[in-house]
Protein backbone atom coordinates (compact mmCIF):
# COMPACT_ATOMS: atom_id res chain seq x y z
CA MET A 1 0.00 0.00 0.00
CA ALA A 2 1.14 3.56 -0.68
CA GLU A 3 2.52 5.45 2.28
CA ALA A 4 1.99 9.03 3.40
CA ASN A 5 3.90 10.99 6.02
CA SER A 6 1.97 11.51 9.24
CA GLY A 7 2.19 15.27 8.86
CA SER A 8 4.03 16.12 12.05
CA GLY A 9 6.68 18.78 12.37
CA GLN A 10 7.50 21.08 9.50
CA ASP A 11 6.09 19.04 6.62
CA ARG A 12 2.53 20.34 6.67
CA VAL A 13 1.06 22.40 3.86
CA PRO A 14 -2.28 24.22 3.88
CA ILE A 15 -5.08 23.12 1.56
CA PRO A 16 -5.73 26.15 -0.67
CA GLY A 17 -9.07 27.78 0.05
CA SER A 18 -9.81 25.81 3.22
CA GLU A 19 -9.76 28.82 5.57
CA ARG A 20 -12.88 29.61 7.60
CA ASP A 21 -13.88 32.50 9.84
CA PRO A 22 -16.50 32.31 12.58
CA LEU A 23 -20.05 33.13 11.58
CA PRO A 24 -21.00 36.78 12.08
CA GLY A 25 -22.09 37.28 15.67
CA ALA A 26 -20.68 33.93 16.81
CA THR A 27 -19.25 33.51 20.29
CA ASP A 28 -16.30 31.18 20.95
CA ARG A 29 -17.35 28.74 23.69
CA GLY A 30 -14.01 26.93 23.96
CA ALA A 31 -12.31 23.88 22.56
CA ALA A 32 -14.39 20.98 21.32
CA GLY A 33 -14.15 17.90 23.54
CA ASN A 34 -11.16 15.72 22.67
CA ASP A 35 -13.24 12.53 22.72
CA GLU A 36 -16.02 13.86 20.50
CA ARG A 37 -16.38 11.83 17.28
CA VAL A 38 -15.99 13.56 13.92
CA GLU A 39 -16.81 12.26 10.44
CA LEU A 40 -14.96 13.74 7.45
CA THR A 41 -15.01 13.49 3.69
CA VAL A 42 -11.62 13.94 2.05
CA GLN A 43 -11.93 15.00 -1.57
CA VAL A 44 -9.15 13.65 -3.80
CA ARG A 45 -7.91 15.03 -7.13
CA PRO A 46 -9.20 13.44 -10.36
CA ARG A 47 -7.12 10.81 -12.13
CA THR A 48 -6.72 13.18 -15.10
CA PRO A 49 -6.78 16.75 -13.72
CA ALA A 50 -8.99 19.22 -15.65
CA ALA A 51 -9.86 16.56 -18.25
CA GLY A 52 -13.34 16.16 -16.79
CA ALA A 53 -14.20 19.82 -17.16
CA ARG A 54 -12.76 19.86 -20.70
CA SER A 55 -14.87 16.83 -21.56
CA ALA A 56 -18.00 18.52 -20.23
CA ASP A 57 -17.25 21.75 -22.09
CA ALA A 58 -16.64 19.80 -25.31
CA LEU A 59 -20.32 18.83 -25.37
CA GLY A 60 -21.01 22.40 -26.44
CA ALA A 61 -24.22 23.04 -28.35
CA GLN A 62 -24.58 19.49 -29.65
CA LEU A 63 -28.21 18.34 -29.67
CA PRO A 64 -29.06 15.46 -27.34
CA HIS A 65 -28.99 12.85 -30.11
CA GLU A 66 -25.52 14.06 -31.12
CA ARG A 67 -24.00 13.84 -27.66
CA GLN A 68 -21.90 10.99 -26.35
CA HIS A 69 -22.22 10.83 -22.59
CA VAL A 70 -20.03 8.52 -20.53
CA SER A 71 -21.54 5.82 -18.33
CA ARG A 72 -21.08 5.96 -14.58
CA ASP A 73 -18.70 2.99 -14.74
CA GLN A 74 -16.70 4.61 -17.55
CA PHE A 75 -16.51 7.84 -15.55
CA ALA A 76 -15.13 6.11 -12.47
CA ALA A 77 -12.44 4.37 -14.52
CA THR A 78 -11.42 7.40 -16.59
CA TYR A 79 -12.11 10.50 -14.53
CA GLY A 80 -12.42 9.21 -10.96
CA ALA A 81 -9.70 9.16 -8.34
CA ASP A 82 -6.49 7.21 -8.92
CA PRO A 83 -6.51 4.11 -6.66
CA ASP A 84 -3.00 5.01 -5.52
CA ASP A 85 -4.18 8.44 -4.36
CA LEU A 86 -7.00 6.83 -2.40
CA ALA A 87 -4.51 4.41 -0.84
CA ARG A 88 -2.20 7.26 0.18
CA VAL A 89 -5.04 9.02 1.97
CA GLU A 90 -6.01 5.77 3.69
CA ALA A 91 -2.42 5.24 4.85
CA PHE A 92 -2.26 8.79 6.19
CA ALA A 93 -5.52 8.25 8.07
CA ARG A 94 -4.42 5.03 9.72
CA ALA A 95 -1.07 6.56 10.70
CA ASN A 96 -3.04 9.29 12.47
CA ASN A 97 -5.51 7.09 14.39
CA LEU A 98 -8.38 7.77 12.02
CA GLN A 99 -10.76 5.11 10.77
CA VAL A 100 -11.39 4.65 7.03
CA ASP A 101 -15.15 4.16 6.63
CA GLU A 102 -15.61 4.33 2.87
CA THR A 103 -13.77 5.07 -0.36
CA SER A 104 -15.20 5.88 -3.79
CA ALA A 105 -13.21 6.32 -6.98
CA ALA A 106 -16.22 7.80 -8.81
CA ARG A 107 -16.95 10.35 -6.10
CA ARG A 108 -13.20 10.87 -5.51
CA SER A 109 -13.76 10.65 -1.80
CA VAL A 110 -12.49 8.95 1.33
CA VAL A 111 -14.74 9.02 4.40
CA LEU A 112 -12.86 9.10 7.71
CA SER A 113 -13.87 9.21 11.35
CA GLY A 114 -12.08 9.72 14.63
CA THR A 115 -11.89 11.79 17.77
CA VAL A 116 -11.47 15.54 17.85
CA ALA A 117 -8.00 15.00 19.31
CA ALA A 118 -6.97 12.76 16.40
CA VAL A 119 -8.48 15.08 13.81
CA ASN A 120 -6.78 18.13 15.29
CA ALA A 121 -3.42 16.39 15.18
CA ALA A 122 -3.89 14.96 11.69
CA PHE A 123 -5.07 18.15 9.99
CA GLY A 124 -3.32 20.85 12.02
CA VAL A 125 -6.52 22.46 13.29
CA GLY A 126 -7.98 23.29 16.66
CA LEU A 127 -11.70 22.53 16.61
CA ARG A 128 -13.81 24.77 18.82
CA ARG A 129 -17.44 25.23 19.79
CA TYR A 130 -19.37 28.35 18.79
CA THR A 131 -22.81 29.73 19.45
CA TYR A 132 -24.54 32.27 17.25
CA PRO A 133 -28.02 33.78 17.10
CA GLY A 134 -30.12 30.79 16.16
CA GLY A 135 -27.84 27.89 16.95
CA ALA A 136 -24.44 26.36 17.63
CA TYR A 137 -21.75 24.60 15.64
CA ARG A 138 -18.28 23.12 15.72
CA GLY A 139 -15.68 24.93 13.64
CA HIS A 140 -12.15 26.07 13.09
CA THR A 141 -10.33 29.17 11.93
CA GLY A 142 -7.48 29.30 9.48
CA PRO A 143 -6.58 26.65 6.92
CA ILE A 144 -6.74 22.87 7.07
CA GLN A 145 -3.30 21.27 6.68
CA VAL A 146 -2.10 17.97 5.24
CA PRO A 147 1.35 16.39 4.90
CA ALA A 148 3.48 17.75 2.08
CA ALA A 149 3.32 14.27 0.53
CA LEU A 150 -0.41 14.79 0.01
CA ALA A 151 -0.16 18.33 -1.37
CA GLY A 152 -2.17 18.41 -4.58
CA VAL A 153 -3.62 14.96 -3.89
CA VAL A 154 -6.14 16.24 -1.34
CA GLN A 155 -8.32 19.00 -2.78
CA GLY A 156 -10.63 19.45 0.18
CA VAL A 157 -11.54 18.21 3.64
CA PHE A 158 -15.18 18.57 4.66
CA GLY A 159 -16.86 17.93 8.00
CA LEU A 160 -14.50 19.65 10.42
CA ASP A 161 -16.83 22.65 10.40
CA ASP A 162 -20.51 21.72 10.74
CA ARG A 163 -22.16 25.15 10.59
CA PRO A 164 -25.40 25.38 8.54
CA GLN A 165 -24.23 25.95 4.99
CA ALA A 166 -27.37 26.65 2.98
CA ARG A 167 -30.95 27.79 3.27
CA PRO A 168 -34.04 26.63 1.41
CA HIS A 169 -35.34 29.02 -1.24
CA PHE A 170 -39.08 28.80 -0.68
CA ARG A 171 -41.48 31.51 0.44
CA PRO A 172 -44.94 31.03 1.97
CA PHE A 173 -47.75 33.20 0.66
CA GLN A 174 -48.13 34.39 4.23
CA ALA A 175 -46.61 33.46 7.56
CA VAL A 176 -47.83 29.98 8.41
CA ALA A 177 -49.66 30.30 11.71
CA GLY A 178 -52.29 27.65 11.02
CA PRO A 179 -54.10 26.17 8.05
CA VAL A 180 -53.84 28.36 4.95
CA ARG A 181 -56.55 27.58 2.43
CA PRO A 182 -55.54 27.74 -1.25
CA GLU A 183 -58.69 29.74 -1.95
CA ALA A 184 -57.26 32.48 0.29
CA THR A 185 -55.25 33.54 -2.74
CA PRO A 186 -57.22 33.07 -5.97
CA ALA A 187 -53.99 33.45 -7.98
CA ALA A 188 -52.54 30.23 -6.56
CA LEU A 189 -52.10 27.43 -9.09
CA THR A 190 -51.38 23.74 -9.00
CA PRO A 191 -48.14 22.50 -10.60
CA VAL A 192 -50.28 20.82 -13.26
CA GLU A 193 -51.84 24.17 -14.16
CA VAL A 194 -48.44 25.87 -14.32
CA ALA A 195 -47.14 23.09 -16.58
CA ALA A 196 -50.12 23.61 -18.88
CA LEU A 197 -49.52 27.37 -19.02
CA TYR A 198 -45.92 26.66 -20.02
CA ASP A 199 -47.11 24.09 -22.58
CA TYR A 200 -45.12 21.22 -21.16
CA PRO A 201 -45.06 18.23 -23.51
CA THR A 202 -47.31 15.30 -22.73
CA GLY A 203 -47.06 11.65 -23.61
CA THR A 204 -44.69 9.86 -21.25
CA GLY A 205 -45.15 11.53 -17.86
CA GLY A 206 -41.43 10.98 -17.31
CA GLN A 207 -41.72 7.21 -17.57
CA GLY A 208 -38.32 5.57 -17.22
CA GLN A 209 -36.73 8.70 -15.70
CA CYS A 210 -35.48 9.37 -12.20
CA ILE A 211 -35.49 12.87 -10.73
CA GLY A 212 -32.97 13.34 -7.92
CA ILE A 213 -33.91 15.88 -5.23
CA ILE A 214 -31.37 17.21 -2.70
CA GLU A 215 -32.72 17.98 0.78
CA LEU A 216 -30.77 19.25 3.79
CA GLY A 217 -33.38 18.71 6.46
CA GLY A 218 -37.02 17.92 7.01
CA GLY A 219 -38.98 15.14 5.41
CA TYR A 220 -42.19 13.97 3.80
CA LYS A 221 -45.20 11.99 4.99
CA THR A 222 -46.64 9.38 2.67
CA GLU A 223 -50.18 10.21 3.76
CA ASP A 224 -49.69 13.83 2.67
CA LEU A 225 -48.45 12.74 -0.74
CA THR A 226 -51.39 10.36 -1.12
CA ALA A 227 -53.85 13.11 -0.23
CA TYR A 228 -52.18 15.74 -2.41
CA PHE A 229 -51.92 13.69 -5.57
CA GLY A 230 -55.40 12.34 -4.95
CA GLN A 231 -56.70 15.93 -5.04
CA LEU A 232 -54.91 16.39 -8.37
CA GLY A 233 -56.44 13.21 -9.71
CA ILE A 234 -53.11 11.55 -10.49
CA ALA A 235 -51.34 8.55 -8.99
CA PRO A 236 -48.61 9.45 -6.47
CA PRO A 237 -45.10 9.09 -7.91
CA HIS A 238 -42.71 6.46 -6.63
CA VAL A 239 -40.59 8.22 -3.98
CA VAL A 240 -37.35 6.74 -2.64
CA ALA A 241 -35.54 8.23 0.38
CA VAL A 242 -31.73 7.95 0.23
CA SER A 243 -29.73 8.55 3.42
CA VAL A 244 -26.45 10.48 3.09
CA ASP A 245 -24.08 11.09 6.04
CA GLY A 246 -26.79 10.03 8.46
CA GLY A 247 -29.48 12.31 7.03
CA THR A 248 -32.95 10.75 6.97
CA ASN A 249 -36.52 11.44 5.98
CA ALA A 250 -37.43 13.17 9.25
CA PRO A 251 -40.55 15.40 9.06
CA GLN A 252 -40.51 18.11 11.71
CA GLY A 253 -44.26 18.68 11.70
CA THR A 254 -44.42 22.32 10.62
CA PRO A 255 -44.89 23.71 7.11
CA ASP A 256 -42.67 26.75 7.64
CA GLY A 257 -39.59 24.60 8.34
CA PRO A 258 -37.59 22.37 6.01
CA ASP A 259 -40.63 20.09 5.56
CA GLY A 260 -42.04 22.87 3.39
CA GLU A 261 -39.05 22.64 1.06
CA VAL A 262 -39.15 18.86 0.85
CA MET A 263 -42.85 18.70 0.06
CA LEU A 264 -42.73 21.61 -2.39
CA ASP A 265 -39.97 19.87 -4.34
CA ILE A 266 -41.60 16.45 -4.37
CA GLU A 267 -45.09 17.69 -5.16
CA ILE A 268 -44.05 19.97 -8.02
CA ALA A 269 -41.68 17.47 -9.65
CA GLY A 270 -44.11 14.61 -9.06
CA ALA A 271 -47.13 16.46 -10.44
CA ILE A 272 -45.25 17.42 -13.60
CA ALA A 273 -43.63 14.01 -14.17
CA PRO A 274 -45.82 11.56 -12.22
CA ALA A 275 -44.42 8.48 -13.97
CA ALA A 276 -40.85 9.29 -12.94
CA THR A 277 -39.17 7.92 -9.84
CA LEU A 278 -38.22 10.60 -7.31
CA ALA A 279 -35.04 9.82 -5.38
CA VAL A 280 -34.76 12.19 -2.42
CA TYR A 281 -31.24 12.48 -0.98
CA PHE A 282 -31.40 13.54 2.67
CA ALA A 283 -28.19 14.93 4.17
CA PRO A 284 -27.17 17.24 7.04
CA ASN A 285 -27.12 20.96 6.26
CA THR A 286 -23.32 21.34 6.24
CA ASP A 287 -20.87 21.81 3.40
CA ARG A 288 -19.91 18.14 3.78
CA GLY A 289 -23.51 16.92 3.79
CA PHE A 290 -24.43 19.07 0.79
CA LEU A 291 -21.41 17.94 -1.25
CA ASP A 292 -21.87 14.28 -0.36
CA ALA A 293 -25.56 14.43 -1.27
CA ILE A 294 -24.68 15.81 -4.70
CA THR A 295 -21.89 13.35 -5.43
CA THR A 296 -24.05 10.48 -4.17
CA ALA A 297 -26.89 11.49 -6.49
CA VAL A 298 -24.67 12.13 -9.50
CA HIS A 299 -22.93 8.75 -9.19
CA ASP A 300 -25.93 6.74 -7.96
CA THR A 301 -25.95 3.56 -10.06
CA ALA A 302 -29.07 2.18 -8.33
CA ASN A 303 -31.49 5.05 -8.99
CA ALA A 304 -29.49 6.68 -11.82
CA PRO A 305 -31.16 10.11 -11.85
CA SER A 306 -31.11 11.86 -15.23
CA VAL A 307 -31.88 15.25 -13.66
CA ILE A 308 -31.28 16.65 -10.17
CA SER A 309 -33.21 19.47 -8.47
CA ILE A 310 -31.49 21.62 -5.84
CA SER A 311 -33.50 24.25 -3.98
CA TRP A 312 -30.90 25.06 -1.30
CA GLY A 313 -28.02 27.50 -1.49
CA SER A 314 -26.34 30.60 -0.13
CA ALA A 315 -24.34 33.54 -1.39
CA GLU A 316 -20.96 32.78 -2.97
CA SER A 317 -19.29 34.71 -0.15
CA ALA A 318 -20.52 32.11 2.38
CA TRP A 319 -18.48 29.30 0.80
CA THR A 320 -14.85 28.33 1.06
CA ALA A 321 -12.84 28.15 -2.14
CA GLN A 322 -12.30 24.41 -1.61
CA ALA A 323 -16.07 23.90 -1.47
CA LEU A 324 -16.72 25.98 -4.59
CA GLN A 325 -14.16 23.92 -6.49
CA SER A 326 -15.37 20.53 -5.25
CA PHE A 327 -19.04 21.30 -5.92
CA ASN A 328 -18.19 22.65 -9.37
CA ASP A 329 -16.18 19.49 -10.13
CA ALA A 330 -19.22 17.41 -9.16
CA PHE A 331 -21.43 19.39 -11.51
CA ALA A 332 -18.91 19.02 -14.35
CA ALA A 333 -19.04 15.27 -13.74
CA ALA A 334 -22.83 15.39 -14.02
CA ALA A 335 -22.49 17.11 -17.40
CA GLN A 336 -20.25 14.31 -18.66
CA LEU A 337 -22.75 11.72 -17.46
CA GLY A 338 -25.71 13.46 -19.11
CA VAL A 339 -27.29 14.53 -15.82
CA THR A 340 -28.98 17.95 -15.80
CA ILE A 341 -28.65 19.98 -12.57
CA CYS A 342 -31.40 22.55 -11.85
CA CYS A 343 -30.64 25.05 -9.05
CA ALA A 344 -32.75 27.76 -7.44
CA ALA A 345 -31.23 31.24 -7.89
CA GLY A 346 -32.35 32.61 -4.51
CA ASP A 347 -35.23 34.63 -3.08
CA ASN A 348 -33.55 37.79 -1.78
CA GLY A 349 -32.99 39.82 -4.93
CA SER A 350 -29.57 40.97 -6.05
CA SER A 351 -28.18 41.04 -2.48
CA ASP A 352 -28.93 37.33 -1.90
CA GLY A 353 -29.60 38.29 1.71
CA VAL A 354 -26.08 39.64 2.41
CA THR A 355 -26.09 43.00 4.17
CA ASP A 356 -22.77 44.42 3.00
CA GLY A 357 -24.35 46.64 0.35
CA LYS A 358 -22.89 44.61 -2.53
CA ALA A 359 -24.53 42.43 -5.14
CA HIS A 360 -24.27 38.66 -4.59
CA VAL A 361 -25.33 35.63 -6.57
CA ASP A 362 -26.38 32.35 -5.02
CA PHE A 363 -24.32 29.19 -5.19
CA PRO A 364 -24.68 26.49 -6.45
CA ALA A 365 -26.84 28.30 -9.02
CA SER A 366 -23.74 30.27 -10.10
CA SER A 367 -21.82 27.16 -11.15
CA PRO A 368 -21.41 27.20 -14.95
CA TYR A 369 -22.40 23.50 -15.03
CA VAL A 370 -25.90 23.96 -13.59
CA LEU A 371 -29.10 25.47 -14.89
CA GLY A 372 -29.72 28.55 -12.72
CA CYS A 373 -33.47 29.02 -12.17
CA GLY A 374 -34.81 32.51 -11.47
CA GLY A 375 -38.32 33.65 -10.64
CA THR A 376 -41.25 35.44 -12.23
CA SER A 377 -44.65 36.67 -11.17
CA LEU A 378 -47.17 34.91 -13.39
CA LYS A 379 -50.81 35.84 -13.89
CA GLU A 380 -53.21 33.75 -15.92
CA THR A 381 -56.67 34.30 -17.39
CA ALA A 382 -58.79 31.62 -19.02
CA HIS A 383 -55.96 29.06 -18.84
CA ALA A 384 -53.51 31.32 -20.66
CA ILE A 385 -50.67 33.55 -19.49
CA GLN A 386 -52.00 37.08 -19.04
CA SER A 387 -48.71 38.62 -17.93
CA GLU A 388 -45.32 37.59 -16.62
CA VAL A 389 -42.76 39.92 -15.04
CA VAL A 390 -39.68 39.64 -12.83
CA TRP A 391 -40.62 38.45 -9.35
CA ASN A 392 -39.98 41.34 -6.97
CA ASN A 393 -42.61 41.62 -4.28
CA PRO A 394 -41.39 44.00 -1.54
CA GLY A 395 -41.55 42.27 1.81
CA HIS A 396 -42.21 38.89 0.19
CA GLY A 397 -39.01 38.25 -1.74
CA ALA A 398 -37.47 38.78 -5.16
CA THR A 399 -35.61 36.58 -7.59
CA GLY A 400 -31.89 36.20 -7.20
CA GLY A 401 -29.59 36.93 -10.10
CA GLY A 402 -26.55 38.90 -11.14
CA VAL A 403 -22.94 38.26 -12.09
CA SER A 404 -20.65 35.81 -10.31
CA ASP A 405 -17.59 37.21 -8.58
CA THR A 406 -16.14 33.68 -8.51
CA PHE A 407 -16.67 31.98 -11.86
CA PRO A 408 -15.49 33.48 -15.17
CA LEU A 409 -17.80 34.08 -18.09
CA PRO A 410 -18.43 30.71 -19.80
CA ALA A 411 -17.82 30.56 -23.54
CA TRP A 412 -21.48 29.80 -24.16
CA GLN A 413 -22.48 33.14 -22.56
CA ASP A 414 -20.22 35.17 -24.88
CA GLY A 415 -23.13 36.34 -27.01
CA ALA A 416 -25.61 36.92 -24.18
CA HIS A 417 -24.33 40.45 -23.38
CA VAL A 418 -23.75 39.64 -19.70
CA PRO A 419 -22.80 42.93 -18.01
CA PRO A 420 -19.83 43.25 -15.63
CA SER A 421 -20.47 42.70 -11.95
CA ALA A 422 -22.07 45.65 -10.18
CA ASN A 423 -19.44 45.33 -7.46
CA PRO A 424 -16.08 47.13 -7.29
CA GLY A 425 -13.69 45.63 -9.80
CA ALA A 426 -16.48 45.00 -12.33
CA HIS A 427 -15.61 41.32 -12.63
CA VAL A 428 -16.65 39.79 -15.95
CA GLY A 429 -18.23 36.60 -14.72
CA ARG A 430 -20.86 33.95 -15.19
CA GLY A 431 -24.33 35.50 -15.45
CA VAL A 432 -27.17 34.13 -13.33
CA PRO A 433 -29.86 32.85 -13.88
CA ASP A 434 -30.25 30.98 -17.15
CA VAL A 435 -34.02 30.49 -17.13
CA ALA A 436 -37.01 31.28 -14.95
CA GLY A 437 -40.50 30.26 -13.94
CA ASP A 438 -43.36 31.22 -11.67
CA ALA A 439 -41.97 31.95 -8.19
CA ASP A 440 -43.96 34.80 -6.62
CA PRO A 441 -45.81 33.38 -3.59
CA ALA A 442 -48.70 35.70 -4.49
CA THR A 443 -49.04 33.73 -7.74
CA GLY A 444 -47.66 30.58 -6.19
CA TYR A 445 -48.30 26.87 -5.90
CA GLN A 446 -50.88 24.92 -3.96
CA VAL A 447 -49.05 22.27 -1.95
CA ARG A 448 -49.70 20.08 1.08
CA VAL A 449 -47.28 19.97 4.02
CA ASP A 450 -47.74 18.25 7.39
CA GLY A 451 -51.48 17.89 6.90
CA GLN A 452 -52.00 21.50 5.83
CA ASP A 453 -52.88 22.93 2.43
CA VAL A 454 -50.59 25.92 1.90
CA VAL A 455 -49.42 28.21 -0.87
CA PHE A 456 -45.69 28.49 -1.50
CA GLY A 457 -43.50 30.31 -3.98
CA GLY A 458 -39.81 31.05 -4.29
CA THR A 459 -37.20 29.94 -6.76
CA SER A 460 -37.33 26.64 -4.86
CA ALA A 461 -40.44 26.02 -6.90
CA VAL A 462 -38.67 26.76 -10.19
CA ALA A 463 -35.86 24.21 -9.83
CA PRO A 464 -38.22 21.19 -9.51
CA GLN A 465 -40.47 22.73 -12.16
CA TRP A 466 -37.59 22.70 -14.66
CA ALA A 467 -36.41 19.30 -13.39
CA GLY A 468 -39.85 17.89 -14.14
CA LEU A 469 -39.71 19.44 -17.61
CA VAL A 470 -36.29 17.89 -18.25
CA ALA A 471 -37.65 14.48 -17.24
CA LEU A 472 -40.48 14.92 -19.76
CA LEU A 473 -38.03 16.01 -22.45
CA ASN A 474 -35.74 13.06 -21.76
CA GLY A 475 -38.69 10.70 -22.01
CA ARG A 476 -39.88 12.13 -25.32
CA LEU A 477 -36.40 12.41 -26.84
CA GLY A 478 -35.28 8.96 -25.74
CA LYS A 479 -31.92 10.52 -24.84
CA ALA A 480 -30.81 12.57 -21.86
CA VAL A 481 -30.71 16.32 -22.44
CA GLY A 482 -27.83 16.57 -19.99
CA TYR A 483 -25.80 19.79 -19.87
CA LEU A 484 -28.51 22.14 -21.10
CA ASN A 485 -26.81 25.54 -20.81
CA PRO A 486 -24.74 25.57 -24.05
CA LEU A 487 -27.78 24.39 -25.99
CA LEU A 488 -30.03 27.08 -24.54
CA TYR A 489 -27.64 29.90 -25.25
CA ALA A 490 -26.81 28.72 -28.77
CA LYS A 491 -30.28 27.75 -29.93
CA ALA A 492 -33.16 28.79 -27.64
CA GLY A 493 -32.67 32.52 -27.08
CA GLY A 494 -35.08 34.58 -29.16
CA THR A 495 -37.15 31.53 -30.18
CA ALA A 496 -40.58 30.29 -29.16
CA ALA A 497 -38.85 27.89 -26.76
CA VAL A 498 -38.65 30.65 -24.11
CA HIS A 499 -40.94 33.46 -23.02
CA ASP A 500 -38.82 36.60 -22.80
CA ILE A 501 -39.45 38.57 -19.58
CA PRO A 502 -38.41 42.17 -20.41
CA ARG A 503 -40.03 43.96 -17.46
CA GLY A 504 -38.92 44.27 -13.85
CA THR A 505 -35.86 44.43 -11.61
CA ASN A 506 -34.32 42.45 -8.75
CA GLY A 507 -32.37 45.41 -7.36
CA ALA A 508 -28.97 45.75 -9.01
CA SER A 509 -30.14 44.19 -12.28
CA ASP A 510 -32.93 45.21 -14.62
CA ALA A 511 -34.82 43.06 -17.09
CA GLY A 512 -34.73 43.76 -20.79
CA PRO A 513 -35.09 42.04 -24.14
CA GLY A 514 -33.11 38.81 -24.43
CA TRP A 515 -31.02 37.42 -21.60
CA ASP A 516 -30.89 39.41 -18.37
CA ALA A 517 -29.65 38.87 -14.83
CA CYS A 518 -33.19 38.62 -13.43
CA THR A 519 -34.86 35.83 -15.40
CA GLY A 520 -32.16 34.68 -17.84
CA TRP A 521 -33.77 33.80 -21.17
CA GLY A 522 -37.18 33.62 -19.51
CA SER A 523 -39.76 30.97 -18.75
CA PRO A 524 -40.22 27.87 -20.90
CA ASP A 525 -42.51 26.81 -23.68
CA GLY A 526 -41.99 23.11 -23.14
CA SER A 527 -43.32 21.80 -26.42
CA ALA A 528 -41.36 24.34 -28.47
CA LEU A 529 -38.24 23.46 -26.48
CA LEU A 530 -38.84 19.79 -27.23
CA LYS A 531 -38.95 20.50 -30.94
CA LEU A 532 -35.80 22.62 -30.77
CA LEU A 533 -33.93 19.86 -28.93
CA SER A 534 -35.19 17.40 -31.52
CA GLY A 535 -33.44 19.42 -34.20
CA GLY A 536 -36.32 21.72 -35.12
CA ASP A 537 -36.54 25.50 -35.10
CA GLY A 538 -38.05 26.00 -31.66
CA GLU A 539 -41.63 26.09 -32.89
CA ARG A 540 -44.13 23.65 -31.42
CA LEU A 541 -44.32 20.05 -32.56
CA PRO A 542 -47.63 19.08 -34.18
CA GLY A 543 -50.00 17.78 -31.55
CA ASP A 544 -48.21 19.45 -28.61
């Protein structure tokens, strides 16, 4: 077996981008107990560095039937971790009194566990306990260190810091203080009605597809799903709960908590693609849990999702550089595999809830390998769209969007006229979002959570809405759409495949003709998009 130095003395090197600062307002409560158990995920470099991203980018604007995606087995063998690198990390762990719990070449990860004392010694950190308004966590300051022999091999270590990493992007129509009847807001729609307004293609119902859904808390109740889909007059979808890092389907019993996010995601995706399987990946709300949920879903050979919906996120500034890189690598892997990732763009306008006076975009929606989903306010009359504008409802949220200060402008956005960042330095970066859909809670979705019928909006609703559409498209095309962004920018803009949203603002960005940093290219016309992806001109297919 390969050997790695224990890391003592002068041979440590910091992992780039692993530094953390305490949360704002946090109070240091002292050192974490030496005997406390810690679980970690060590992220290892790919076998062929940067080749995965190049392979994903090479897909370009090829139509689905022209694309050659790799299988999950092929990916593990070609782009996964080198077995020798995994062995070197295992040797380092054992030399430092850490237990090796799991290794995965495809996910490029080694899961370790041990005491705080062993972890501190192995990674050159001093774990401490903190409290902050709203909770407590274990964390560290400064960088994580590894032996010089592992420099470049280890790209990230996740799990030392277990602060909440993300928030769900859903908004109730009003504060939930008891049952909220859907008729309390006549503008509320069912997901089936929204799909009809956006002319989603019919025919397969997503048969043969699996939609992966990432959840960082909460849970669902089967009786609620049975009642909800019964009201819609459709059979409940097949839902599978997948545990990641100890996360489970654990309903908390209140609609305004994470249960609201879980049920919103399942009910929207399931109503749009009722014949699809829904695999719900439950993980703790930490950077480790979030990353492991994504890599588990992307490389899941049992459920094999063809599209993944993510309705959780936080501003780019809340992430470490090692996390941004590792998440982005996972999304690039999904592109190679033909898995579409749909991410909510946030519900706090151009600030993304940060109070420093600057513009911020939400991650993971800002990754160039995901479909960033912004929000609109949609009004309908006589089963047709009456109007659709940027969602910006003072006091009740606004769509996220803007320009990334982290990721450069992707080649496929060259012609979209993405403006420079509104922040000092005017960074020319990835524009967010790519597309949009109904998100205003005042024109929101009827859902059922913990025995209550409620009305929710938020860009959390748009991610599963687009994920359901992708499942329908995959079923009709007989081939995975996969990495949708290059196709959209090369072929869909200015066609009937999208409804341009030229009116409104989210704060620092204004809407206008074509792509903008509020709603991207706009909301979908599903049948026209199907024809475009089939090689047509973006007009509707006969019969759709």
